[in-house]
Amino acid sequence: AKERLVTSYINLGNSYEKEGNIDQALVFLRKADSLKITENIAFYKKVIYGKLSNYYKTTQNFEEALTYKNKYTAMQDSLNQVNQSIAINELQTKYETEKKEKENALLKNDIVEKKQTQNILIIVVIASIILGTGISILIAKNAKRKQLLAKQKEKIRIQKIEKELKEQELSSIDVLIEGQEKERQRLAENLHDNLGGTLAALKLNLQNLEQHQSDPNIVNKSINNSLNLINDAYQSVRTMAHEKSSGVVASQGLLPAIQNFTNNISSEKLKIEIDHFGLKNRLENSLEIKIFRIIQELITNIIKHANATEANISLTNHNSTLNIIVEDNGKGFKQNFSKSKGVGIATIEKRIENLGGSLEIDSHPERGSSIIINLPI
């Protein structure tokens, strides 16, 4: 997860560098340098030190520029040694592969020769059967035997037709059952993703209303939010009844839909903040809907399971990649959580996989959770 954050900080630094804002670029590069990563350390440090050296040189801080230049050179030397080791291993692997391919080729030739011999035997057997059948037909001149043979053939033909009809009937039943099952699954996912999140948010608002009955401002806000959520639930049911999937996202766009959703949920019990960068233009409508459903399900999981008081949604569009980070300060969960995923996480992971993206989960008990998603757009 931290390697993803390092990449995001480096990309943001590049963006500010292109805009000529070197001071802001330095801020993000220092953030990237401060993260403790465990994978590809030399590669990331080389990139960070090289950029820091150039930035300090641009600002004419030559002392710092020289310091990071020396660090960059040290990391470059380390990478060269690693690359040499990799090259040696690749040559060894290539040698072993070629050796194995030669052995496989010899084995394949033996198999081909055996198969050819088997084919010749099969042809001889088939030719013998055909020849024997022809001789038998020529010999069989008895009319009764011909009639019996004709009746047997007719019986076989009828049986074959009946078998084909039964197979077609069974196939039609299988198709019908499969279609019904897919429709049930689609409806279940729609209820879980859409109505589930809305009803979970409504429950949170009603709990907040119950706990702050003496505060008129909180009471009014909770009532308004609850009415909005009830209206959303009604619209969701109405949308499903009319086989529509666009909803609020189609009419308003991704960011307004997320803001509207979180505004109805945020209360004294749970505050949700949204940070966004680079989302000036709308995405393709179906993609916006899928992204909204993913974020909606993540927030629903926080409401149901995290016992959090604060949550943050961060969306960054950079270099045709949408980076989504959903964080909370809740109770978290163990790292082996993936071995027993719930319906929500499994559904989210499947949707992200279908979109060609990646998902990372960073969570520890009593330390909150961070869900990091990268999607190509």
Protein backbone atom coordinates (compact mmCIF):
# COMPACT_ATOMS: atom_id res chain seq x y z
CA ALA A 1 0.00 0.00 0.00
CA LYS A 2 2.83 2.41 0.84
CA GLU A 3 4.46 1.77 -2.55
CA ARG A 4 1.16 2.96 -4.13
CA LEU A 5 1.27 6.12 -2.03
CA VAL A 6 4.91 6.73 -3.03
CA THR A 7 3.91 6.44 -6.70
CA SER A 8 0.97 8.83 -6.18
CA TYR A 9 3.21 11.42 -4.44
CA ILE A 10 5.83 11.17 -7.23
CA ASN A 11 3.12 11.62 -9.89
CA LEU A 12 1.71 14.65 -8.06
CA GLY A 13 5.23 16.08 -7.83
CA ASN A 14 5.62 15.63 -11.59
CA SER A 15 2.32 17.41 -12.19
CA TYR A 16 3.35 20.43 -10.12
CA GLU A 17 6.79 20.43 -11.78
CA LYS A 18 5.14 20.69 -15.21
CA GLU A 19 3.09 23.61 -13.88
CA GLY A 20 6.29 25.30 -12.67
CA ASN A 21 5.33 25.01 -8.97
CA ILE A 22 8.65 23.61 -7.69
CA ASP A 23 7.87 24.35 -4.00
CA GLN A 24 4.71 22.23 -4.10
CA ALA A 25 6.55 19.52 -6.06
CA LEU A 26 9.21 19.44 -3.28
CA VAL A 27 6.45 18.95 -0.67
CA PHE A 28 5.17 15.79 -2.35
CA LEU A 29 8.69 14.45 -3.05
CA ARG A 30 9.61 14.88 0.63
CA LYS A 31 6.41 13.02 1.57
CA ALA A 32 7.40 10.20 -0.78
CA ASP A 33 10.94 10.11 0.72
CA SER A 34 9.55 9.94 4.28
CA LEU A 35 7.49 6.79 3.67
CA LYS A 36 9.08 3.54 4.82
CA ILE A 37 8.70 1.07 1.97
CA THR A 38 9.76 -2.58 1.87
CA GLU A 39 9.79 -3.36 -1.88
CA ASN A 40 11.88 -1.90 -4.75
CA ILE A 41 13.56 0.46 -2.28
CA ALA A 42 16.56 1.24 -4.50
CA PHE A 43 14.35 1.99 -7.51
CA TYR A 44 12.00 4.36 -5.67
CA LYS A 45 14.86 6.09 -3.80
CA LYS A 46 16.78 6.57 -7.07
CA VAL A 47 13.76 8.28 -8.67
CA ILE A 48 13.09 10.42 -5.57
CA TYR A 49 16.75 11.47 -5.07
CA GLY A 50 17.18 12.31 -8.76
CA LYS A 51 14.09 14.53 -8.77
CA LEU A 52 15.02 16.19 -5.44
CA SER A 53 18.50 16.96 -6.80
CA ASN A 54 16.99 18.59 -9.91
CA TYR A 55 14.43 20.55 -7.86
CA TYR A 56 17.08 21.91 -5.46
CA LYS A 57 19.29 22.77 -8.42
CA THR A 58 16.36 24.67 -9.96
CA THR A 59 15.91 26.63 -6.73
CA GLN A 60 19.75 27.19 -6.66
CA ASN A 61 20.17 25.30 -3.39
CA PHE A 62 23.33 23.67 -4.71
CA GLU A 63 24.38 22.13 -1.41
CA GLU A 64 21.18 20.09 -1.13
CA ALA A 65 21.31 19.38 -4.88
CA LEU A 66 24.83 17.88 -4.50
CA THR A 67 23.76 15.83 -1.45
CA TYR A 68 20.84 14.22 -3.28
CA LYS A 69 22.95 13.78 -6.42
CA ASN A 70 25.39 11.66 -4.40
CA LYS A 71 22.48 9.65 -2.96
CA TYR A 72 21.12 9.18 -6.50
CA THR A 73 24.53 7.87 -7.69
CA ALA A 74 24.71 5.42 -4.77
CA MET A 75 21.26 4.06 -5.58
CA GLN A 76 22.19 3.80 -9.28
CA ASP A 77 25.25 1.70 -8.39
CA SER A 78 23.09 -0.54 -6.19
CA LEU A 79 20.59 -1.04 -9.00
CA ASN A 80 23.40 -1.88 -11.46
CA GLN A 81 24.61 -4.66 -9.16
CA VAL A 82 21.07 -6.01 -8.86
CA ASN A 83 20.62 -5.88 -12.66
CA GLN A 84 23.85 -7.83 -13.16
CA SER A 85 22.61 -10.55 -10.80
CA ILE A 86 19.29 -10.64 -12.63
CA ALA A 87 21.06 -10.94 -16.01
CA ILE A 88 23.11 -13.92 -14.75
CA ASN A 89 19.97 -15.60 -13.42
CA GLU A 90 18.16 -14.97 -16.72
CA LEU A 91 21.02 -16.60 -18.68
CA GLN A 92 20.93 -19.62 -16.35
CA THR A 93 17.16 -19.84 -16.72
CA LYS A 94 17.41 -19.54 -20.51
CA TYR A 95 19.96 -22.39 -20.58
CA GLU A 96 17.76 -24.64 -18.44
CA THR A 97 14.71 -23.74 -20.57
CA GLU A 98 16.46 -24.59 -23.85
CA LYS A 99 17.65 -27.87 -22.36
CA LYS A 100 14.12 -28.70 -21.26
CA GLU A 101 12.70 -27.72 -24.67
CA LYS A 102 15.10 -30.12 -26.41
CA GLU A 103 14.06 -32.93 -24.08
CA ASN A 104 10.38 -32.09 -24.71
CA ALA A 105 10.99 -32.07 -28.48
CA LEU A 106 12.48 -35.59 -28.34
CA LEU A 107 9.59 -36.77 -26.20
CA LYS A 108 7.10 -35.13 -28.57
CA ASN A 109 8.64 -36.91 -31.57
CA ASP A 110 8.24 -40.26 -29.79
CA ILE A 111 4.60 -39.45 -29.03
CA VAL A 112 3.96 -38.42 -32.67
CA GLU A 113 5.47 -41.66 -33.96
CA LYS A 114 3.35 -43.74 -31.58
CA LYS A 115 0.24 -41.79 -32.57
CA GLN A 116 0.95 -42.35 -36.27
CA THR A 117 1.27 -46.08 -35.62
CA GLN A 118 -2.03 -46.08 -33.73
CA ASN A 119 -3.72 -44.16 -36.55
CA ILE A 120 -2.52 -46.74 -39.09
CA LEU A 121 -3.92 -49.55 -36.95
CA ILE A 122 -7.24 -47.72 -36.60
CA ILE A 123 -7.48 -47.22 -40.38
CA VAL A 124 -6.77 -50.91 -40.96
CA VAL A 125 -9.45 -51.91 -38.44
CA ILE A 126 -12.00 -49.49 -39.94
CA ALA A 127 -11.21 -50.72 -43.48
CA SER A 128 -11.63 -54.31 -42.33
CA ILE A 129 -14.99 -53.51 -40.73
CA ILE A 130 -16.22 -51.73 -43.86
CA LEU A 131 -15.07 -54.57 -46.10
CA GLY A 132 -16.71 -57.17 -43.87
CA THR A 133 -19.95 -55.22 -43.80
CA GLY A 134 -19.97 -54.96 -47.60
CA ILE A 135 -19.46 -58.68 -47.99
CA SER A 136 -22.21 -59.36 -45.48
CA ILE A 137 -24.65 -57.14 -47.36
CA LEU A 138 -23.89 -58.84 -50.65
CA ILE A 139 -24.41 -62.26 -49.06
CA ALA A 140 -27.61 -61.23 -47.20
CA LYS A 141 -30.20 -61.79 -49.96
CA ASN A 142 -32.93 -63.05 -47.77
CA ALA A 143 -35.92 -60.69 -47.86
CA LYS A 144 -36.92 -61.32 -44.26
CA ARG A 145 -33.46 -60.47 -43.04
CA LYS A 146 -33.54 -57.26 -45.10
CA GLN A 147 -36.92 -56.37 -43.63
CA LEU A 148 -35.65 -57.07 -40.10
CA LEU A 149 -32.59 -54.95 -40.75
CA ALA A 150 -34.79 -52.15 -42.09
CA LYS A 151 -37.03 -52.33 -38.99
CA GLN A 152 -34.00 -52.24 -36.70
CA LYS A 153 -32.60 -49.20 -38.51
CA GLU A 154 -35.96 -47.45 -38.24
CA LYS A 155 -36.12 -48.23 -34.54
CA ILE A 156 -32.62 -46.85 -34.01
CA ARG A 157 -33.49 -43.73 -35.99
CA ILE A 158 -36.61 -43.13 -33.89
CA GLN A 159 -34.64 -43.67 -30.68
CA LYS A 160 -32.00 -41.20 -31.87
CA ILE A 161 -34.65 -38.60 -32.70
CA GLU A 162 -36.27 -39.07 -29.29
CA LYS A 163 -32.89 -38.75 -27.59
CA GLU A 164 -32.10 -35.53 -29.48
CA LEU A 165 -35.51 -34.08 -28.59
CA LYS A 166 -34.98 -34.93 -24.92
CA GLU A 167 -31.49 -33.39 -24.95
CA GLN A 168 -32.91 -30.22 -26.52
CA GLU A 169 -35.63 -30.11 -23.86
CA LEU A 170 -33.06 -30.53 -21.07
CA SER A 171 -30.84 -27.89 -22.66
CA SER A 172 -33.77 -25.44 -22.80
CA ILE A 173 -34.52 -26.09 -19.14
CA ASP A 174 -30.86 -25.51 -18.22
CA VAL A 175 -30.82 -22.21 -20.12
CA LEU A 176 -34.04 -21.11 -18.40
CA ILE A 177 -32.68 -22.00 -14.95
CA GLU A 178 -29.39 -20.26 -15.66
CA GLY A 179 -31.22 -17.11 -16.80
CA GLN A 180 -33.39 -17.12 -13.68
CA GLU A 181 -30.34 -17.59 -11.46
CA LYS A 182 -28.49 -14.71 -13.13
CA GLU A 183 -31.55 -12.47 -12.69
CA ARG A 184 -31.77 -13.40 -9.00
CA GLN A 185 -28.07 -12.71 -8.57
CA ARG A 186 -28.35 -9.35 -10.35
CA LEU A 187 -31.30 -8.35 -8.19
CA ALA A 188 -29.52 -9.47 -5.00
CA GLU A 189 -26.40 -7.45 -5.90
CA ASN A 190 -28.52 -4.43 -6.75
CA LEU A 191 -30.37 -4.62 -3.43
CA HIS A 192 -27.12 -5.12 -1.50
CA ASP A 193 -25.16 -2.37 -3.27
CA ASN A 194 -27.90 0.23 -3.60
CA LEU A 195 -30.62 -0.20 -0.97
CA GLY A 196 -28.18 -1.73 1.54
CA GLY A 197 -26.01 1.39 1.63
CA THR A 198 -29.00 3.74 1.81
CA LEU A 199 -30.67 1.81 4.64
CA ALA A 200 -27.37 1.58 6.57
CA ALA A 201 -27.01 5.37 6.29
CA LEU A 202 -30.65 5.83 7.36
CA LYS A 203 -29.98 3.67 10.45
CA LEU A 204 -26.98 5.84 11.34
CA ASN A 205 -29.06 9.03 11.08
CA LEU A 206 -31.83 7.61 13.25
CA GLN A 207 -29.28 6.53 15.88
CA ASN A 208 -27.84 10.04 15.83
CA LEU A 209 -31.35 11.47 16.19
CA GLU A 210 -32.03 9.21 19.19
CA GLN A 211 -28.79 10.23 20.91
CA HIS A 212 -29.26 14.01 20.43
CA GLN A 213 -33.00 14.51 20.91
CA SER A 214 -32.38 17.61 23.03
CA ASP A 215 -30.41 19.45 20.29
CA PRO A 216 -32.86 21.03 17.78
CA ASN A 217 -30.15 21.63 15.15
CA ILE A 218 -28.99 18.02 15.14
CA VAL A 219 -32.62 16.79 15.24
CA ASN A 220 -33.57 18.91 12.20
CA LYS A 221 -30.45 17.90 10.29
CA SER A 222 -30.96 14.19 11.05
CA ILE A 223 -34.63 14.38 10.04
CA ASN A 224 -33.76 16.11 6.74
CA ASN A 225 -31.00 13.58 6.03
CA SER A 226 -33.35 10.71 6.87
CA LEU A 227 -36.04 12.07 4.54
CA ASN A 228 -33.46 12.41 1.76
CA LEU A 229 -32.30 8.83 2.32
CA ILE A 230 -35.88 7.53 2.31
CA ASN A 231 -36.43 9.37 -0.97
CA ASP A 232 -33.21 7.80 -2.33
CA ALA A 233 -34.46 4.36 -1.29
CA TYR A 234 -37.79 5.02 -3.02
CA GLN A 235 -36.01 6.17 -6.17
CA SER A 236 -33.76 3.08 -6.06
CA VAL A 237 -36.77 0.75 -5.90
CA ARG A 238 -38.46 2.70 -8.66
CA THR A 239 -35.30 2.54 -10.77
CA MET A 240 -34.98 -1.23 -10.33
CA ALA A 241 -38.64 -1.66 -11.26
CA HIS A 242 -38.03 0.21 -14.53
CA GLU A 243 -34.76 -1.62 -15.25
CA LYS A 244 -32.65 1.54 -15.08
CA SER A 245 -29.14 1.78 -13.67
CA SER A 246 -28.08 5.38 -14.16
CA GLY A 247 -29.85 7.07 -11.18
CA VAL A 248 -28.26 10.14 -9.59
CA VAL A 249 -24.89 9.53 -11.23
CA ALA A 250 -26.30 9.86 -14.76
CA SER A 251 -28.05 13.15 -13.99
CA GLN A 252 -25.41 14.86 -11.84
CA GLY A 253 -22.05 13.19 -12.41
CA LEU A 254 -19.71 11.16 -10.19
CA LEU A 255 -18.39 13.83 -7.80
CA PRO A 256 -21.78 15.53 -7.08
CA ALA A 257 -23.35 12.10 -6.54
CA ILE A 258 -20.67 11.16 -3.98
CA GLN A 259 -21.00 14.54 -2.26
CA ASN A 260 -24.80 14.22 -2.10
CA PHE A 261 -24.50 10.70 -0.71
CA THR A 262 -21.98 11.66 2.01
CA ASN A 263 -23.93 14.83 2.94
CA ASN A 264 -26.94 12.67 3.78
CA ILE A 265 -24.78 10.33 5.89
CA SER A 266 -22.49 12.81 7.72
CA SER A 267 -23.58 13.53 11.29
CA GLU A 268 -22.15 14.09 14.75
CA LYS A 269 -21.52 10.33 14.89
CA LEU A 270 -19.65 10.04 11.58
CA LYS A 271 -18.01 12.90 9.64
CA ILE A 272 -17.01 12.22 6.04
CA GLU A 273 -14.61 14.45 4.08
CA ILE A 274 -13.99 14.38 0.30
CA ASP A 275 -10.72 15.42 -1.40
CA HIS A 276 -10.46 15.45 -5.18
CA PHE A 277 -7.90 16.44 -7.82
CA GLY A 278 -8.12 16.40 -11.60
CA LEU A 279 -11.85 15.58 -11.89
CA LYS A 280 -12.83 18.60 -13.98
CA ASN A 281 -14.44 16.60 -16.77
CA ARG A 282 -17.04 13.82 -16.48
CA LEU A 283 -16.10 10.21 -17.22
CA GLU A 284 -18.03 7.77 -19.37
CA ASN A 285 -21.48 7.32 -17.77
CA SER A 286 -21.36 3.57 -17.13
CA LEU A 287 -17.86 3.92 -15.60
CA GLU A 288 -19.08 6.69 -13.28
CA ILE A 289 -21.95 4.45 -12.13
CA LYS A 290 -19.59 1.54 -11.37
CA ILE A 291 -17.16 3.79 -9.46
CA PHE A 292 -20.04 5.32 -7.45
CA ARG A 293 -21.32 1.84 -6.50
CA ILE A 294 -17.82 0.83 -5.33
CA ILE A 295 -17.44 3.94 -3.11
CA GLN A 296 -21.02 3.57 -1.84
CA GLU A 297 -20.31 -0.02 -0.78
CA LEU A 298 -17.03 0.96 0.96
CA ILE A 299 -18.81 3.69 2.98
CA THR A 300 -21.60 1.23 3.82
CA ASN A 301 -19.00 -1.20 5.19
CA ILE A 302 -17.55 1.59 7.36
CA ILE A 303 -21.04 2.36 8.75
CA LYS A 304 -21.83 -1.30 9.40
CA HIS A 305 -18.54 -2.62 10.75
CA ALA A 306 -15.88 0.02 11.52
CA ASN A 307 -17.44 2.01 14.42
CA ALA A 308 -15.57 5.01 12.98
CA THR A 309 -16.12 8.68 13.79
CA GLU A 310 -14.21 10.05 10.79
CA ALA A 311 -13.79 8.92 7.18
CA ASN A 312 -12.08 10.42 4.14
CA ILE A 313 -12.61 9.82 0.41
CA SER A 314 -9.74 10.90 -1.88
CA LEU A 315 -10.05 10.86 -5.70
CA THR A 316 -7.06 11.76 -7.92
CA ASN A 317 -7.19 11.66 -11.72
CA HIS A 318 -3.64 11.63 -13.09
CA ASN A 319 -2.12 10.23 -16.30
CA SER A 320 -5.29 8.33 -17.28
CA THR A 321 -5.41 6.60 -13.87
CA LEU A 322 -8.02 7.28 -11.19
CA ASN A 323 -6.60 6.75 -7.69
CA ILE A 324 -9.27 6.24 -4.98
CA ILE A 325 -8.36 6.09 -1.28
CA VAL A 326 -11.09 5.48 1.34
CA GLU A 327 -9.83 5.76 4.93
CA ASP A 328 -11.45 5.60 8.37
CA ASN A 329 -10.36 5.76 12.00
CA GLY A 330 -12.43 2.75 13.04
CA LYS A 331 -11.55 -0.52 14.72
CA GLY A 332 -9.86 -2.03 11.63
CA PHE A 333 -9.40 -5.76 11.09
CA LYS A 334 -6.70 -8.42 10.85
CA GLN A 335 -4.54 -8.72 7.71
CA ASN A 336 -5.78 -12.28 7.04
CA PHE A 337 -9.25 -10.82 6.47
CA SER A 338 -9.00 -11.72 2.73
CA LYS A 339 -9.29 -15.41 3.60
CA SER A 340 -12.88 -14.91 4.69
CA LYS A 341 -14.17 -12.01 2.64
CA GLY A 342 -17.71 -10.82 3.05
CA VAL A 343 -20.15 -10.27 0.21
CA GLY A 344 -19.31 -6.56 0.04
CA ILE A 345 -15.51 -6.86 -0.34
CA ALA A 346 -15.84 -9.82 -2.74
CA THR A 347 -18.24 -7.82 -4.92
CA ILE A 348 -15.98 -4.76 -4.89
CA GLU A 349 -12.89 -6.81 -5.79
CA LYS A 350 -14.74 -8.50 -8.69
CA ARG A 351 -15.94 -5.14 -10.07
CA ILE A 352 -12.43 -3.64 -9.88
CA GLU A 353 -10.99 -6.72 -11.60
CA ASN A 354 -13.56 -6.39 -14.41
CA LEU A 355 -12.51 -2.73 -14.83
CA GLY A 356 -8.83 -3.73 -15.16
CA GLY A 357 -7.88 -2.08 -11.87
CA SER A 358 -6.19 -3.09 -8.61
CA LEU A 359 -7.21 -3.05 -4.94
CA GLU A 360 -5.00 -2.87 -1.83
CA ILE A 361 -6.21 -3.17 1.80
CA ASP A 362 -4.12 -1.71 4.64
CA SER A 363 -5.69 -2.30 8.05
CA HIS A 364 -4.74 -3.21 11.59
CA PRO A 365 -6.96 -3.73 14.68
CA GLU A 366 -7.75 -0.46 16.48
CA ARG A 367 -5.78 1.57 13.87
CA GLY A 368 -8.38 2.10 11.17
CA SER A 369 -8.37 1.00 7.54
CA SER A 370 -7.19 2.28 4.16
CA ILE A 371 -8.60 0.96 0.88
CA ILE A 372 -6.48 1.95 -2.15
CA ILE A 373 -7.90 1.50 -5.66
CA ASN A 374 -6.27 2.31 -9.00
CA LEU A 375 -8.47 2.26 -12.12
CA PRO A 376 -7.53 2.95 -15.76
CA ILE A 377 -9.81 5.57 -17.33
